[in-house]
Amino acid sequence: MVDPVVLVTGAASGIGEAVVRLFAERGHRVVAVDVDKAGLDVLAGLDGVATLAGDVAEEATNLRAVALAEERFGRLDAAVLNAGIAGAGPLESAGSIERFDRLFAVNVRGVALGIRAAVPAVRAAGGGAIVATSSVSGLRGDPGTWAYNATKAAVINLVRGAAIDYAAEGIRVNAIAPGGTVTALTAGQVADPEFSAFITRRIPAQRWADAREQAEVVWFLASPAASYVTGVTVPVDGGLSANGGILLPPPAR
């Protein structure tokens, strides 16, 4: 049996790193892509993992990643388009549109380019799966993060549209929408006792997620177990998006 091959962007830390480690543990060959070469060097020691440093907002990076999968492992069965950056600031502040352009380039253009690059290889492998990372911030608004909200909402509808276009070819396209997750991106928030408690109290599960919990849902969406699932975004948020926000959920007992 041929080992399945998956491409993972934003692979050097957080959810992306958890995805790489989980898929590698379960017998996949992995192409790990990130701008953080030092972070990739840690993953390069894992069995069956090839790394590529590059910016997903550039088409060449996405094409090189797919080519690396085919050259090194002979095929591509799935792509996890996880790379993303955060950003905040008032809409009317200096540089706000420039920050938005960069957010859009990585968070949305990077996903579109990733789908475009991966589809021919996944098609050649007989079909497979593409999973993007959106956010609960794409399902609802957050103060001060209008640009991030907009990009993550765009990912959700990009996934819907691509899923419709490729479903008949056996290529499934889905997304996860993580809630508060312990990663390098949120380390400062988690370490702040007051802020962390404020956030936790608003999550029905009353805790932050571990990155591995996000990776497990990615695993499901990329696996044959989700063979009839396409065009959906799965909130992995401990019930956060289920709460209307007017009342606090019951506290932990």
Protein backbone atom coordinates (compact mmCIF):
# COMPACT_ATOMS: atom_id res chain seq x y z
CA MET A 1 0.00 0.00 0.00
CA VAL A 2 1.29 3.45 -0.94
CA ASP A 3 1.69 5.88 1.95
CA PRO A 4 -0.65 8.87 1.50
CA VAL A 5 1.01 12.24 0.98
CA VAL A 6 -0.19 15.53 2.48
CA LEU A 7 1.00 19.10 2.02
CA VAL A 8 0.71 21.38 5.07
CA THR A 9 1.22 25.15 5.01
CA GLY A 10 1.85 27.24 8.11
CA ALA A 11 3.57 24.08 9.31
CA ALA A 12 6.29 25.41 11.61
CA SER A 13 4.17 26.12 14.68
CA GLY A 14 0.73 25.94 16.28
CA ILE A 15 -2.03 24.07 14.50
CA GLY A 16 0.11 23.48 11.42
CA GLU A 17 2.88 21.83 13.42
CA ALA A 18 0.31 19.68 15.23
CA VAL A 19 -1.11 18.60 11.86
CA VAL A 20 2.34 17.68 10.53
CA ARG A 21 3.16 15.61 13.61
CA LEU A 22 -0.23 13.86 13.67
CA PHE A 23 -0.18 12.92 10.00
CA ALA A 24 3.45 11.77 10.19
CA GLU A 25 2.65 9.61 13.24
CA ARG A 26 -0.18 7.97 11.30
CA GLY A 27 1.90 6.99 8.30
CA HIS A 28 1.55 9.93 5.92
CA ARG A 29 4.41 11.46 4.03
CA VAL A 30 4.32 15.20 4.62
CA VAL A 31 5.53 18.32 2.81
CA ALA A 32 5.73 21.07 5.44
CA VAL A 33 5.72 24.68 4.21
CA ASP A 34 6.32 27.87 6.20
CA VAL A 35 8.19 31.18 6.09
CA ASP A 36 9.86 30.19 9.38
CA LYS A 37 12.88 28.16 8.29
CA ALA A 38 14.11 27.64 11.84
CA GLY A 39 10.76 26.12 12.80
CA LEU A 40 10.85 23.89 9.74
CA ASP A 41 14.32 22.64 10.68
CA VAL A 42 12.80 21.05 13.79
CA LEU A 43 10.25 19.18 11.67
CA ALA A 44 12.86 18.10 9.12
CA GLY A 45 14.06 15.49 11.60
CA LEU A 46 10.74 13.64 11.53
CA ASP A 47 10.53 10.50 9.44
CA GLY A 48 8.81 11.09 6.11
CA VAL A 49 8.71 14.88 6.37
CA ALA A 50 10.12 17.17 3.67
CA THR A 51 10.27 20.91 4.25
CA LEU A 52 10.06 24.01 2.09
CA ALA A 53 10.60 27.60 3.23
CA GLY A 54 8.44 30.10 1.38
CA ASP A 55 5.59 32.61 1.45
CA VAL A 56 2.22 31.11 0.50
CA ALA A 57 1.09 34.48 -0.85
CA GLU A 58 3.46 33.81 -3.77
CA GLU A 59 2.31 31.42 -6.48
CA ALA A 60 5.82 30.02 -6.91
CA THR A 61 5.88 28.74 -3.31
CA ASN A 62 2.67 26.78 -3.81
CA LEU A 63 3.83 25.30 -7.10
CA ARG A 64 7.20 24.32 -5.59
CA ALA A 65 5.45 22.66 -2.65
CA VAL A 66 3.31 20.48 -4.91
CA ALA A 67 6.30 19.67 -7.11
CA LEU A 68 8.28 18.66 -4.02
CA ALA A 69 5.51 16.27 -2.97
CA GLU A 70 5.47 14.62 -6.38
CA GLU A 71 9.26 14.50 -6.74
CA ARG A 72 9.97 13.22 -3.23
CA PHE A 73 6.94 11.02 -2.61
CA GLY A 74 5.41 10.44 -6.04
CA ARG A 75 1.94 11.84 -5.43
CA LEU A 76 -0.28 14.24 -3.46
CA ASP A 77 -3.45 13.05 -1.74
CA ALA A 78 -4.36 16.02 0.45
CA ALA A 79 -3.47 19.63 1.18
CA VAL A 80 -3.95 21.40 4.51
CA LEU A 81 -3.88 25.13 3.79
CA ASN A 82 -3.31 26.41 7.28
CA ALA A 83 -0.93 29.36 6.87
CA GLY A 84 -2.33 32.58 8.28
CA ILE A 85 -1.45 35.76 10.10
CA ALA A 86 -3.35 37.97 12.51
CA GLY A 87 -3.74 41.71 12.59
CA ALA A 88 -5.65 44.40 14.43
CA GLY A 89 -6.15 48.12 14.48
CA PRO A 90 -8.79 50.73 13.69
CA LEU A 91 -9.96 50.93 10.10
CA GLU A 92 -9.11 54.63 10.00
CA SER A 93 -5.59 54.25 11.42
CA ALA A 94 -2.49 54.89 9.35
CA GLY A 95 -1.42 51.83 7.38
CA SER A 96 -4.68 49.96 7.98
CA ILE A 97 -5.26 49.18 4.31
CA GLU A 98 -1.67 48.08 3.84
CA ARG A 99 -2.09 45.69 6.79
CA PHE A 100 -5.37 44.46 5.29
CA ASP A 101 -3.65 43.82 1.95
CA ARG A 102 -1.01 41.67 3.64
CA LEU A 103 -3.61 39.78 5.67
CA PHE A 104 -5.64 39.14 2.54
CA ALA A 105 -2.53 38.03 0.64
CA VAL A 106 -1.62 35.36 3.19
CA ASN A 107 -5.01 34.33 4.58
CA VAL A 108 -7.08 34.30 1.38
CA ARG A 109 -4.80 34.53 -1.65
CA GLY A 110 -2.58 31.87 -0.03
CA VAL A 111 -5.54 29.49 0.22
CA ALA A 112 -6.68 30.19 -3.36
CA LEU A 113 -3.16 29.64 -4.69
CA GLY A 114 -2.85 26.50 -2.60
CA ILE A 115 -6.05 25.04 -4.02
CA ARG A 116 -5.03 26.01 -7.55
CA ALA A 117 -1.63 24.35 -7.19
CA ALA A 118 -2.82 21.22 -5.38
CA VAL A 119 -5.87 20.27 -7.45
CA PRO A 120 -4.03 18.88 -10.52
CA ALA A 121 -1.85 16.64 -8.35
CA VAL A 122 -4.76 15.48 -6.17
CA ARG A 123 -6.78 14.83 -9.32
CA ALA A 124 -3.92 12.74 -10.73
CA ALA A 125 -3.89 10.71 -7.50
CA GLY A 126 -7.54 9.79 -8.08
CA GLY A 127 -9.09 12.40 -5.83
CA GLY A 128 -8.56 13.49 -2.26
CA ALA A 129 -9.10 16.33 0.15
CA ILE A 130 -8.22 19.95 0.76
CA VAL A 131 -8.70 21.45 4.21
CA ALA A 132 -8.30 25.18 4.92
CA THR A 133 -8.03 26.94 8.25
CA SER A 134 -10.59 29.68 8.81
CA SER A 135 -11.53 30.88 12.31
CA VAL A 136 -14.52 31.55 14.53
CA SER A 137 -13.58 35.15 13.69
CA GLY A 138 -14.80 34.38 10.19
CA LEU A 139 -18.20 33.39 11.55
CA ARG A 140 -18.76 36.54 13.62
CA GLY A 141 -17.15 39.90 14.31
CA ASP A 142 -14.52 40.82 16.88
CA PRO A 143 -13.67 44.35 18.02
CA GLY A 144 -10.57 45.83 16.44
CA THR A 145 -9.95 42.95 14.05
CA TRP A 146 -12.12 43.87 11.07
CA ALA A 147 -9.42 42.91 8.57
CA TYR A 148 -8.79 39.48 10.12
CA ASN A 149 -12.55 38.89 10.35
CA ALA A 150 -12.95 39.74 6.67
CA THR A 151 -10.17 37.41 5.50
CA LYS A 152 -11.35 34.45 7.56
CA ALA A 153 -14.93 34.93 6.35
CA ALA A 154 -13.60 34.98 2.78
CA VAL A 155 -11.93 31.61 3.35
CA ILE A 156 -15.28 30.08 4.31
CA ASN A 157 -16.96 31.11 1.08
CA LEU A 158 -13.88 30.30 -0.98
CA VAL A 159 -14.10 26.76 0.40
CA ARG A 160 -17.81 26.55 -0.46
CA GLY A 161 -17.24 27.66 -4.04
CA ALA A 162 -14.23 25.42 -4.63
CA ALA A 163 -16.06 22.46 -3.10
CA ILE A 164 -18.88 22.83 -5.62
CA ASP A 165 -16.47 23.12 -8.54
CA TYR A 166 -14.46 19.99 -7.69
CA ALA A 167 -16.95 17.66 -5.98
CA ALA A 168 -17.71 15.63 -9.12
CA GLU A 169 -13.99 14.92 -9.49
CA GLY A 170 -13.74 13.35 -6.06
CA ILE A 171 -11.89 16.31 -4.58
CA ARG A 172 -13.40 17.48 -1.29
CA VAL A 173 -12.77 20.98 0.05
CA ASN A 174 -13.59 21.83 3.67
CA ALA A 175 -12.38 24.08 6.47
CA ILE A 176 -12.05 24.23 10.21
CA ALA A 177 -12.89 27.32 12.25
CA PRO A 178 -10.73 27.17 15.37
CA GLY A 179 -11.68 29.00 18.52
CA GLY A 180 -9.22 29.94 21.25
CA THR A 181 -6.28 27.57 20.82
CA VAL A 182 -2.95 27.46 22.64
CA THR A 183 -0.37 28.37 19.98
CA ALA A 184 2.54 30.76 19.59
CA LEU A 185 0.05 33.28 18.19
CA THR A 186 -2.01 33.25 21.40
CA ALA A 187 0.80 32.66 23.90
CA GLY A 188 0.61 36.20 25.27
CA GLN A 189 -3.14 35.96 25.76
CA VAL A 190 -2.95 32.57 27.44
CA ALA A 191 -0.17 33.77 29.75
CA ASP A 192 -2.21 36.79 30.90
CA PRO A 193 -4.29 35.42 33.81
CA GLU A 194 -6.93 38.14 33.63
CA PHE A 195 -7.41 38.02 29.86
CA SER A 196 -7.24 34.22 29.70
CA ALA A 197 -9.91 33.92 32.41
CA PHE A 198 -12.07 36.48 30.58
CA ILE A 199 -11.93 34.45 27.36
CA THR A 200 -12.31 31.06 29.05
CA ARG A 201 -15.46 32.20 30.83
CA ARG A 202 -17.08 32.86 27.45
CA ILE A 203 -16.27 29.42 26.03
CA PRO A 204 -18.93 26.86 27.02
CA ALA A 205 -16.23 24.18 27.38
CA GLN A 206 -14.48 26.56 29.83
CA ARG A 207 -10.99 26.05 28.42
CA TRP A 208 -8.69 26.80 25.52
CA ALA A 209 -8.14 24.11 22.90
CA ASP A 210 -4.91 22.25 22.39
CA ALA A 211 -3.53 22.44 18.84
CA ARG A 212 -3.72 18.66 18.64
CA GLU A 213 -7.50 18.86 19.02
CA GLN A 214 -7.65 21.05 15.92
CA ALA A 215 -5.37 18.64 14.07
CA GLU A 216 -7.67 15.72 14.84
CA VAL A 217 -10.57 17.44 13.07
CA VAL A 218 -8.30 18.19 10.11
CA TRP A 219 -7.39 14.50 10.09
CA PHE A 220 -11.06 13.52 9.91
CA LEU A 221 -11.86 15.97 7.09
CA ALA A 222 -8.85 14.77 5.08
CA SER A 223 -9.61 11.08 5.65
CA PRO A 224 -11.89 8.63 3.81
CA ALA A 225 -14.15 8.75 6.90
CA ALA A 226 -15.33 12.15 5.59
CA SER A 227 -15.87 10.87 2.04
CA TYR A 228 -19.31 12.53 1.74
CA VAL A 229 -18.38 15.78 3.45
CA THR A 230 -17.49 18.77 1.30
CA GLY A 231 -18.08 22.52 1.32
CA VAL A 232 -18.42 22.78 5.09
CA THR A 233 -16.62 24.73 7.79
CA VAL A 234 -16.45 22.93 11.12
CA PRO A 235 -16.18 25.15 14.21
CA VAL A 236 -13.68 23.62 16.63
CA ASP A 237 -14.29 26.08 19.41
CA GLY A 238 -15.64 24.42 22.53
CA GLY A 239 -19.11 25.76 21.76
CA LEU A 240 -18.08 29.42 21.46
CA SER A 241 -19.92 30.04 18.17
CA ALA A 242 -23.04 28.30 19.50
CA ASN A 243 -23.44 30.96 22.18
CA GLY A 244 -25.35 34.10 21.21
CA GLY A 245 -23.15 36.17 23.50
CA ILE A 246 -25.88 37.93 25.43
CA LEU A 247 -25.59 35.60 28.43
CA LEU A 248 -22.54 33.82 29.78
CA PRO A 249 -22.58 30.00 29.53
CA PRO A 250 -22.77 27.98 32.76
CA PRO A 251 -19.49 27.97 34.70
CA ALA A 252 -17.35 24.89 35.25
CA ARG A 253 -18.47 22.78 38.21
